[in-house]
Protein backbone atom coordinates (compact mmCIF):
# COMPACT_ATOMS: atom_id res chain seq x y z
CA MET A 1 -6.91 -9.50 -13.99
CA VAL A 2 -7.24 -6.97 -16.43
CA PRO A 3 -5.77 -8.52 -19.40
CA LEU A 4 -7.68 -11.91 -18.23
CA MET A 5 -11.01 -10.19 -18.15
CA VAL A 6 -10.39 -8.12 -21.65
CA GLU A 7 -8.74 -10.99 -23.83
CA LEU A 8 -10.89 -13.88 -22.30
CA LEU A 9 -14.43 -12.61 -20.87
CA LYS A 10 -14.65 -9.75 -23.65
CA ILE A 11 -15.05 -6.85 -21.13
CA ARG A 12 -14.19 -3.43 -21.86
CA GLN A 13 -10.95 -1.75 -20.87
CA HIS A 14 -12.72 0.17 -18.60
CA GLN A 15 -14.81 -1.85 -16.87
CA ALA A 16 -11.84 -4.31 -16.43
CA HIS A 17 -10.03 -1.76 -14.51
CA GLY A 18 -12.77 -0.55 -12.27
CA THR A 19 -13.57 -4.15 -11.63
CA SER A 20 -10.12 -5.21 -11.24
CA LEU A 21 -9.86 -2.75 -8.30
CA VAL A 22 -13.28 -3.97 -6.85
CA ALA A 23 -11.03 -7.71 -6.54
CA ILE A 24 -8.07 -5.96 -5.56
CA VAL A 25 -9.59 -4.10 -2.02
CA PHE A 26 -9.96 -8.37 -0.97
CA ILE A 27 -6.69 -9.49 -2.46
CA GLY A 28 -5.16 -7.24 -0.20
CA LEU A 29 -7.22 -7.80 2.93
CA VAL A 30 -6.86 -11.54 2.53
CA GLY A 31 -2.76 -11.20 1.82
CA ALA A 32 -2.09 -8.46 4.96
CA ILE A 33 -4.09 -11.11 6.92
CA ALA A 34 -1.28 -13.78 5.55
CA TYR A 35 1.68 -11.92 5.71
CA SER A 36 0.83 -10.26 9.20
CA LEU A 37 0.81 -13.81 10.86
CA GLU A 38 4.29 -13.87 9.48
CA SER A 39 4.89 -10.35 11.60
CA SER A 40 5.52 -9.06 7.61
CA VAL A 41 3.71 -5.64 8.11
CA ASP A 42 4.71 -2.26 8.89
CA PHE A 43 1.44 -0.75 10.01
CA VAL A 44 3.28 2.76 10.24
CA ALA A 45 4.74 2.66 6.92
CA ALA A 46 1.51 1.51 5.37
CA LEU A 47 -0.46 4.19 7.00
CA ALA A 48 1.90 7.00 5.42
CA LEU A 49 1.74 5.65 2.11
CA ALA A 50 -2.06 5.24 2.50
CA CYS A 51 -2.69 8.91 3.08
CA THR A 52 -1.93 10.56 0.23
CA SER A 53 -2.59 6.84 -1.91
CA MET A 54 -6.41 7.20 -1.33
CA LEU A 55 -5.89 11.07 -2.36
CA THR A 56 -4.70 10.33 -5.97
CA ALA A 57 -6.24 6.72 -6.69
CA ARG A 58 -9.79 8.94 -7.35
CA LEU A 59 -8.04 11.42 -9.51
CA GLY A 60 -6.53 8.28 -11.43
CA ALA A 61 -10.28 6.63 -11.64
CA ASN A 62 -11.68 9.58 -12.78
CA LEU A 63 -9.10 10.18 -15.76
CA THR A 64 -9.76 7.35 -17.21
CA SER A 65 -13.32 8.46 -17.98
CA PHE A 66 -11.63 11.06 -20.58
CA LEU A 67 -9.55 8.30 -22.41
CA PRO A 68 -11.06 6.46 -25.39
CA GLU A 69 -10.44 2.83 -24.85
CA TRP A 70 -7.52 2.27 -27.52
CA LYS A 71 -5.43 5.14 -25.91
CA LEU A 72 -6.46 3.58 -22.06
CA LYS A 73 -5.15 0.61 -23.61
CA ARG A 74 -1.89 2.06 -24.61
CA TYR A 75 -1.48 3.60 -21.07
CA PHE A 76 -1.88 0.25 -19.61
CA GLY A 77 0.47 -1.36 -21.63
CA ALA A 78 3.15 1.39 -21.08
CA SER A 79 2.82 0.73 -17.39
CA LEU A 80 3.08 -2.76 -17.72
CA ALA A 81 6.29 -2.80 -19.57
CA PHE A 82 7.61 -0.20 -17.40
CA ILE A 83 6.56 -2.78 -14.21
CA ALA A 84 8.55 -5.33 -16.40
CA PHE A 85 11.65 -2.98 -16.81
CA LEU A 86 11.70 -2.34 -13.00
CA LEU A 87 11.22 -5.86 -11.82
CA ALA A 88 14.18 -6.56 -14.63
CA ILE A 89 16.89 -3.94 -13.07
CA LYS A 90 16.02 -4.23 -9.25
CA THR A 91 19.13 -5.98 -8.21
CA TYR A 92 20.87 -3.46 -10.00
CA ILE A 93 19.52 -0.49 -8.18
CA PRO A 94 21.70 0.73 -5.35
CA HIS A 95 20.09 0.95 -2.16
CA ILE A 96 19.51 4.47 -0.60
CA HIS A 97 19.12 4.14 2.90
CA PHE A 98 18.43 7.22 5.20
CA SER A 99 20.26 6.70 8.07
CA ASN A 100 18.61 8.87 10.68
CA GLY A 101 16.18 10.44 8.65
CA LEU A 102 12.80 9.94 9.78
CA VAL A 103 11.26 13.10 7.91
CA TRP A 104 12.65 11.98 4.61
CA LYS A 105 11.57 8.46 4.86
CA VAL A 106 8.08 9.75 5.84
CA LEU A 107 8.31 12.15 3.00
CA VAL A 108 9.47 9.66 0.33
CA LEU A 109 6.47 7.17 1.58
CA LEU A 110 3.98 10.00 0.92
CA ILE A 111 5.28 10.73 -2.70
CA ALA A 112 5.16 6.69 -3.45
CA GLY A 113 1.93 6.69 -2.07
CA ALA A 114 0.84 9.33 -4.10
CA LEU A 115 2.18 7.71 -7.63
CA THR A 116 0.99 4.23 -6.36
CA GLY A 117 -2.80 5.48 -5.67
CA PHE A 118 -2.67 7.53 -9.13
CA LEU A 119 -1.55 4.43 -11.00
CA SER A 120 -3.97 2.08 -9.33
CA GLY A 121 -6.80 4.10 -9.82
CA MET A 122 -5.98 4.67 -13.46
CA MET A 123 -4.39 1.24 -14.87
CA GLY A 124 -6.83 -1.23 -12.40
CA VAL A 125 -3.44 -2.65 -10.36
CA GLY A 126 -2.31 -2.85 -7.01
CA GLY A 127 0.62 -0.45 -7.36
CA GLY A 128 2.82 -2.85 -5.74
CA VAL A 129 5.28 -2.06 -8.45
CA ILE A 130 5.93 0.89 -6.90
CA MET A 131 5.76 0.93 -3.35
CA VAL A 132 7.63 -2.35 -2.60
CA PRO A 133 10.99 -1.10 -4.33
CA VAL A 134 10.68 2.52 -2.32
CA MET A 135 10.13 0.52 0.68
CA VAL A 136 13.40 -2.00 -0.10
CA LEU A 137 15.91 -0.25 -1.38
CA ILE A 138 15.45 3.93 0.41
CA VAL A 139 13.20 3.15 3.40
CA GLY A 140 15.23 0.17 4.21
CA LEU A 141 12.27 -2.80 5.13
CA ASN A 142 12.65 -6.33 4.25
CA GLN A 143 11.18 -7.92 0.85
CA HIS A 144 8.85 -9.71 2.66
CA THR A 145 7.60 -6.94 5.26
CA ALA A 146 7.77 -4.53 1.91
CA GLN A 147 5.25 -7.18 0.35
CA GLY A 148 3.19 -7.44 3.31
CA THR A 149 2.83 -3.64 3.69
CA SER A 150 1.88 -3.02 0.32
CA LEU A 151 -0.92 -5.35 0.13
CA LEU A 152 -2.46 -3.49 2.84
CA VAL A 153 -2.09 -0.02 1.70
CA MET A 154 -4.04 -1.63 -1.67
CA VAL A 155 -7.20 -2.11 1.30
CA PRO A 156 -8.11 1.55 1.26
CA THR A 157 -6.36 2.69 -1.84
CA GLY A 158 -8.66 0.07 -3.77
CA ALA A 159 -11.30 0.61 -2.26
CA VAL A 160 -11.53 4.44 -3.21
CA GLY A 161 -10.52 3.36 -6.77
CA ALA A 162 -13.17 0.90 -6.69
CA LEU A 163 -16.08 3.50 -5.67
CA THR A 164 -15.13 5.85 -8.03
CA HIS A 165 -15.13 3.51 -10.98
CA TRP A 166 -18.29 2.34 -9.95
CA LYS A 167 -20.05 5.79 -9.60
CA LEU A 168 -18.39 6.20 -13.57
CA GLY A 169 -20.41 2.94 -14.36
CA HIS A 170 -16.78 0.71 -14.77
CA VAL A 171 -17.79 -1.98 -12.81
CA ASP A 172 -18.97 -5.15 -14.09
CA TRP A 173 -20.87 -6.65 -10.64
CA LYS A 174 -21.41 -10.25 -12.69
CA ILE A 175 -17.86 -11.53 -12.15
CA VAL A 176 -16.88 -10.36 -8.91
CA PRO A 177 -18.44 -13.31 -6.80
CA GLY A 178 -15.76 -15.58 -8.83
CA LEU A 179 -13.29 -13.06 -8.60
CA MET A 180 -13.47 -12.90 -4.79
CA VAL A 181 -13.66 -16.89 -4.64
CA GLY A 182 -10.75 -17.07 -6.50
CA VAL A 183 -8.51 -14.60 -4.10
CA MET A 184 -9.69 -16.03 -1.57
CA LEU A 185 -8.31 -19.29 -2.54
CA GLY A 186 -5.03 -18.11 -4.53
CA THR A 187 -4.26 -15.03 -2.41
CA PRO A 188 -3.05 -17.09 0.84
CA LEU A 189 -1.29 -19.71 -0.97
CA GLY A 190 0.61 -16.56 -3.18
CA ALA A 191 1.60 -15.14 0.15
CA ARG A 192 2.69 -18.53 1.34
CA LEU A 193 4.96 -19.63 -1.37
CA ALA A 194 6.57 -16.15 -1.89
CA HIS A 195 8.24 -17.03 1.12
CA LEU A 196 9.53 -20.38 -0.49
CA ILE A 197 10.41 -19.28 -4.22
CA PRO A 198 13.95 -18.12 -4.73
CA GLU A 199 12.95 -14.21 -5.46
CA HIS A 200 15.03 -13.50 -8.62
CA HIS A 201 13.97 -16.01 -10.58
CA LEU A 202 9.88 -15.61 -9.64
CA ARG A 203 10.72 -11.83 -10.64
CA LEU A 204 12.40 -12.54 -14.10
CA LEU A 205 9.96 -14.90 -15.03
CA PHE A 206 7.05 -12.32 -13.77
CA ALA A 207 8.87 -9.37 -15.96
CA PHE A 208 9.07 -11.44 -18.98
CA PHE A 209 5.37 -12.34 -18.90
CA MET A 210 4.65 -8.58 -18.24
CA LEU A 211 6.36 -7.31 -21.18
CA SER A 212 4.73 -9.84 -23.51
CA ILE A 213 1.16 -8.66 -22.63
CA SER A 214 2.38 -5.08 -22.89
CA VAL A 215 3.06 -5.49 -26.52
CA ARG A 216 -0.48 -6.42 -27.56
CA TYR A 217 -1.52 -3.19 -25.76
CA LEU A 218 0.95 -1.03 -27.19
CA VAL A 219 -0.09 -1.77 -30.56
CA ALA A 220 -3.80 -0.89 -29.95
CA LYS A 221 -5.43 1.29 -32.71
CA PRO A 222 -7.98 4.03 -32.83
CA GLU A 223 -9.70 2.56 -35.80
CA VAL A 224 -10.53 -1.25 -33.68
CA GLU A 225 -12.57 0.97 -31.48
CA ARG A 226 -14.24 3.31 -33.91
CA LYS A 227 -15.31 -0.42 -35.66
CA GLU A 228 -16.59 -1.84 -32.37
CA LEU A 229 -18.67 1.42 -31.59
CA ALA A 230 -20.12 1.21 -35.26
CA LYS A 231 -21.05 -1.96 -34.95
CA ALA A 232 -22.91 -1.55 -31.19
CA LYS A 233 -24.68 1.38 -33.00
């Protein structure tokens, strides 16, 4: 959503991040319902993740107000490249399941939630790229349950981040209704297709897509923003 809003709708980077989080709340809600109908949501894991993600989402959102647009674009590009890297190497990462370490599993979820919340609040993304690998590779949940759980966590996390961005003036409410309609139509379909499409092919295709977008953001220059501000004045 963020690249599409910036490139096609010409919305400023800060507003794209905040507006994206508003839509993410609805994506998480609709998606979590769809996955729960398939019994693919772990509510205990979701609670542990949400406990810390809600705290750090506000911190990440507030940090954007101190960053110029060109720098925020670079950070966003770096996060997309990181996401693409994790997706590409996922099958080569060994599982690190704790046999009887319930306390350790909870601790891992709390840490993952903190990282997810910060990334979500700052970059306007859902944060599933952090939560899902942690739940699969360390906690031991299956792929579909991890995805459904991450969608549920996106609801409170996105709400906190969106509220913070709204207070900062980073939400474009004019396009929110259109995003919500798209979310309501697309998310249930995506949740159903996730149970049909081979994960490996879909993951690599998405990784390539994310990497190609990240290149454009990584080369953002300060001069561009100064020219835009000069024109605005």
